[in-house]
Amino acid sequence: MDEIKFDFNEDIQFKILQLVLQDYDWARSVGLEIIEARFFNNIMFGKIFDWAKYIMEKYNVPAPKTTLKDCATKVYNDNKITLSEKTAYDELIEKCFEQLDAEVDGIDYIKDRALDFAKKEKV
């Protein structure tokens, strides 16, 4: 069986990750239910998603940037990633928290695409 991946480009996948991190209400009510880390084509997106999901579900709070960066530091300290990979995670986490703009970024469209994808995969 083929591994299930999002059927849209990396820019849209990144915006989905940003939505999970920036729209806590959507993440808790929809996003964490329909999205899985394995759907992301970019492994780093999937790892950040997993860390955020863990934080949101365990502590019932939005995943703070500093906590996500600490997750990357922990993985680095456990010798599971290199320093350059840790730096790349830190930079990506910073970028994830750049404020989304509803009109420019098409947030409602991205939410609909994620939901449509999840519904299709459940069939």
C-alpha atoms as a PDB file:
ATOM      1  CA  MET A   1       0.000   0.000   0.000  1.00  0.00           C
ATOM      2  CA  ASP A   2       1.278   3.449  -0.913  1.00  0.00           C
ATOM      3  CA  GLU A   3       2.010   5.910   1.855  1.00  0.00           C
ATOM      4  CA  ILE A   4      -0.602   8.656   2.043  1.00  0.00           C
ATOM      5  CA  LYS A   5       0.734  12.171   1.418  1.00  0.00           C
ATOM      6  CA  PHE A   6      -0.934  15.532   0.901  1.00  0.00           C
ATOM      7  CA  ASP A   7      -1.853  16.033  -2.740  1.00  0.00           C
ATOM      8  CA  PHE A   8      -0.885  19.700  -2.805  1.00  0.00           C
ATOM      9  CA  ASN A   9       2.369  21.629  -3.055  1.00  0.00           C
ATOM     10  CA  GLU A  10       4.786  22.386  -0.250  1.00  0.00           C
ATOM     11  CA  ASP A  11       3.616  26.015   0.051  1.00  0.00           C
ATOM     12  CA  ILE A  12       0.082  24.870   0.913  1.00  0.00           C
ATOM     13  CA  GLN A  13       1.452  22.201   3.255  1.00  0.00           C
ATOM     14  CA  PHE A  14       3.495  24.863   5.038  1.00  0.00           C
ATOM     15  CA  LYS A  15       0.410  27.075   5.399  1.00  0.00           C
ATOM     16  CA  ILE A  16      -1.428  24.108   6.959  1.00  0.00           C
ATOM     17  CA  LEU A  17       1.389  23.777   9.486  1.00  0.00           C
ATOM     18  CA  GLN A  18       1.199  27.522  10.155  1.00  0.00           C
ATOM     19  CA  LEU A  19      -2.562  27.232  10.703  1.00  0.00           C
ATOM     20  CA  VAL A  20      -2.080  24.483  13.263  1.00  0.00           C
ATOM     21  CA  LEU A  21       0.397  26.680  15.132  1.00  0.00           C
ATOM     22  CA  GLN A  22      -1.414  30.000  14.784  1.00  0.00           C
ATOM     23  CA  ASP A  23      -5.103  29.087  14.967  1.00  0.00           C
ATOM     24  CA  TYR A  24      -5.436  27.089  18.172  1.00  0.00           C
ATOM     25  CA  ASP A  25      -9.233  26.864  17.984  1.00  0.00           C
ATOM     26  CA  TRP A  26      -9.099  25.395  14.458  1.00  0.00           C
ATOM     27  CA  ALA A  27      -6.236  23.093  15.409  1.00  0.00           C
ATOM     28  CA  ARG A  28      -8.079  21.684  18.429  1.00  0.00           C
ATOM     29  CA  SER A  29     -11.491  21.413  16.764  1.00  0.00           C
ATOM     30  CA  VAL A  30     -10.438  20.211  13.301  1.00  0.00           C
ATOM     31  CA  GLY A  31      -6.743  20.293  12.443  1.00  0.00           C
ATOM     32  CA  LEU A  32      -5.392  17.778  14.939  1.00  0.00           C
ATOM     33  CA  GLU A  33      -8.241  15.411  14.091  1.00  0.00           C
ATOM     34  CA  ILE A  34      -7.743  15.365  10.328  1.00  0.00           C
ATOM     35  CA  ILE A  35      -3.999  15.911   9.861  1.00  0.00           C
ATOM     36  CA  GLU A  36      -1.262  13.390  10.490  1.00  0.00           C
ATOM     37  CA  ALA A  37       2.483  14.041  10.415  1.00  0.00           C
ATOM     38  CA  ARG A  38       2.915  11.362   7.744  1.00  0.00           C
ATOM     39  CA  PHE A  39       0.815  13.407   5.296  1.00  0.00           C
ATOM     40  CA  PHE A  40       3.557  16.039   4.987  1.00  0.00           C
ATOM     41  CA  ASN A  41       6.088  15.513   2.208  1.00  0.00           C
ATOM     42  CA  ASN A  42       8.681  17.494   4.183  1.00  0.00           C
ATOM     43  CA  ILE A  43       9.898  15.457   7.181  1.00  0.00           C
ATOM     44  CA  MET A  44      10.603  18.626   9.176  1.00  0.00           C
ATOM     45  CA  PHE A  45       6.994  19.790   8.753  1.00  0.00           C
ATOM     46  CA  GLY A  46       5.835  16.428  10.088  1.00  0.00           C
ATOM     47  CA  LYS A  47       8.141  16.543  13.116  1.00  0.00           C
ATOM     48  CA  ILE A  48       7.081  20.080  14.032  1.00  0.00           C
ATOM     49  CA  PHE A  49       3.447  19.010  13.636  1.00  0.00           C
ATOM     50  CA  ASP A  50       4.032  16.031  15.965  1.00  0.00           C
ATOM     51  CA  TRP A  51       5.692  18.231  18.596  1.00  0.00           C
ATOM     52  CA  ALA A  52       2.874  20.793  18.384  1.00  0.00           C
ATOM     53  CA  LYS A  53       0.189  18.112  18.588  1.00  0.00           C
ATOM     54  CA  TYR A  54       1.830  16.574  21.659  1.00  0.00           C
ATOM     55  CA  ILE A  55       2.013  19.961  23.402  1.00  0.00           C
ATOM     56  CA  MET A  56      -1.563  20.912  22.528  1.00  0.00           C
ATOM     57  CA  GLU A  57      -3.023  17.588  23.587  1.00  0.00           C
ATOM     58  CA  LYS A  58      -0.987  17.166  26.781  1.00  0.00           C
ATOM     59  CA  TYR A  59      -1.138  20.733  28.095  1.00  0.00           C
ATOM     60  CA  ASN A  60      -4.270  22.091  26.343  1.00  0.00           C
ATOM     61  CA  VAL A  61      -2.442  25.214  25.182  1.00  0.00           C
ATOM     62  CA  PRO A  62      -1.188  26.507  21.831  1.00  0.00           C
ATOM     63  CA  ALA A  63       2.322  25.253  21.051  1.00  0.00           C
ATOM     64  CA  PRO A  64       4.690  28.150  21.854  1.00  0.00           C
ATOM     65  CA  LYS A  65       7.613  28.893  19.576  1.00  0.00           C
ATOM     66  CA  THR A  66      10.098  28.547  22.438  1.00  0.00           C
ATOM     67  CA  THR A  67       8.751  25.120  23.385  1.00  0.00           C
ATOM     68  CA  LEU A  68       8.941  23.874  19.799  1.00  0.00           C
ATOM     69  CA  LYS A  69      12.522  25.097  19.565  1.00  0.00           C
ATOM     70  CA  ASP A  70      13.255  23.267  22.798  1.00  0.00           C
ATOM     71  CA  CYS A  71      11.910  20.077  21.203  1.00  0.00           C
ATOM     72  CA  ALA A  72      14.476  20.530  18.417  1.00  0.00           C
ATOM     73  CA  THR A  73      17.185  21.142  21.016  1.00  0.00           C
ATOM     74  CA  LYS A  74      16.225  17.962  22.869  1.00  0.00           C
ATOM     75  CA  VAL A  75      16.419  15.901  19.669  1.00  0.00           C
ATOM     76  CA  TYR A  76      19.811  17.480  18.943  1.00  0.00           C
ATOM     77  CA  ASN A  77      21.050  16.802  22.493  1.00  0.00           C
ATOM     78  CA  ASP A  78      19.951  13.180  22.081  1.00  0.00           C
ATOM     79  CA  ASN A  79      22.242  13.039  19.008  1.00  0.00           C
ATOM     80  CA  LYS A  80      19.334  12.325  16.667  1.00  0.00           C
ATOM     81  CA  ILE A  81      19.957  15.346  14.419  1.00  0.00           C
ATOM     82  CA  THR A  82      23.008  17.396  13.500  1.00  0.00           C
ATOM     83  CA  LEU A  83      23.625  20.988  14.533  1.00  0.00           C
ATOM     84  CA  SER A  84      22.824  22.167  11.014  1.00  0.00           C
ATOM     85  CA  GLU A  85      19.523  20.252  11.115  1.00  0.00           C
ATOM     86  CA  LYS A  86      18.713  21.792  14.507  1.00  0.00           C
ATOM     87  CA  THR A  87      19.426  25.240  13.070  1.00  0.00           C
ATOM     88  CA  ALA A  88      17.141  24.450  10.120  1.00  0.00           C
ATOM     89  CA  TYR A  89      14.358  23.408  12.537  1.00  0.00           C
ATOM     90  CA  ASP A  90      14.798  26.632  14.524  1.00  0.00           C
ATOM     91  CA  GLU A  91      14.584  28.725  11.344  1.00  0.00           C
ATOM     92  CA  LEU A  92      11.533  26.833  10.113  1.00  0.00           C
ATOM     93  CA  ILE A  93       9.807  27.236  13.478  1.00  0.00           C
ATOM     94  CA  GLU A  94      10.475  30.996  13.326  1.00  0.00           C
ATOM     95  CA  LYS A  95       8.970  31.106   9.845  1.00  0.00           C
ATOM     96  CA  CYS A  96       5.912  29.140  11.025  1.00  0.00           C
ATOM     97  CA  PHE A  97       5.047  31.977  13.378  1.00  0.00           C
ATOM     98  CA  GLU A  98       5.093  34.694  10.708  1.00  0.00           C
ATOM     99  CA  GLN A  99       1.552  35.992  10.888  1.00  0.00           C
ATOM    100  CA  LEU A 100      -0.869  34.591   8.321  1.00  0.00           C
ATOM    101  CA  ASP A 101      -3.112  37.067   6.523  1.00  0.00           C
ATOM    102  CA  ALA A 102      -6.620  35.755   5.803  1.00  0.00           C
ATOM    103  CA  GLU A 103      -6.885  37.445   2.405  1.00  0.00           C
ATOM    104  CA  VAL A 104      -3.302  37.140   1.170  1.00  0.00           C
ATOM    105  CA  ASP A 105      -2.779  33.590   2.407  1.00  0.00           C
ATOM    106  CA  GLY A 106      -6.253  32.243   1.600  1.00  0.00           C
ATOM    107  CA  ILE A 107      -6.749  30.736   5.033  1.00  0.00           C
ATOM    108  CA  ASP A 108     -10.333  29.574   4.437  1.00  0.00           C
ATOM    109  CA  TYR A 109      -9.265  27.893   1.190  1.00  0.00           C
ATOM    110  CA  ILE A 110      -6.400  26.110   2.967  1.00  0.00           C
ATOM    111  CA  LYS A 111      -8.728  24.901   5.735  1.00  0.00           C
ATOM    112  CA  ASP A 112     -11.154  23.580   3.108  1.00  0.00           C
ATOM    113  CA  ARG A 113      -8.365  21.828   1.171  1.00  0.00           C
ATOM    114  CA  ALA A 114      -7.100  20.103   4.320  1.00  0.00           C
ATOM    115  CA  LEU A 115     -10.625  18.990   5.225  1.00  0.00           C
ATOM    116  CA  ASP A 116     -11.379  17.760   1.685  1.00  0.00           C
ATOM    117  CA  PHE A 117      -8.132  15.791   1.648  1.00  0.00           C
ATOM    118  CA  ALA A 118      -8.938  14.170   4.986  1.00  0.00           C
ATOM    119  CA  LYS A 119     -12.466  13.254   3.890  1.00  0.00           C
ATOM    120  CA  LYS A 120     -11.113  11.695   0.689  1.00  0.00           C
ATOM    121  CA  GLU A 121      -8.600   9.610   2.682  1.00  0.00           C
ATOM    122  CA  LYS A 122     -11.330   8.309   5.013  1.00  0.00           C
ATOM    123  CA  VAL A 123     -13.261   6.816   2.078  1.00  0.00           C
END
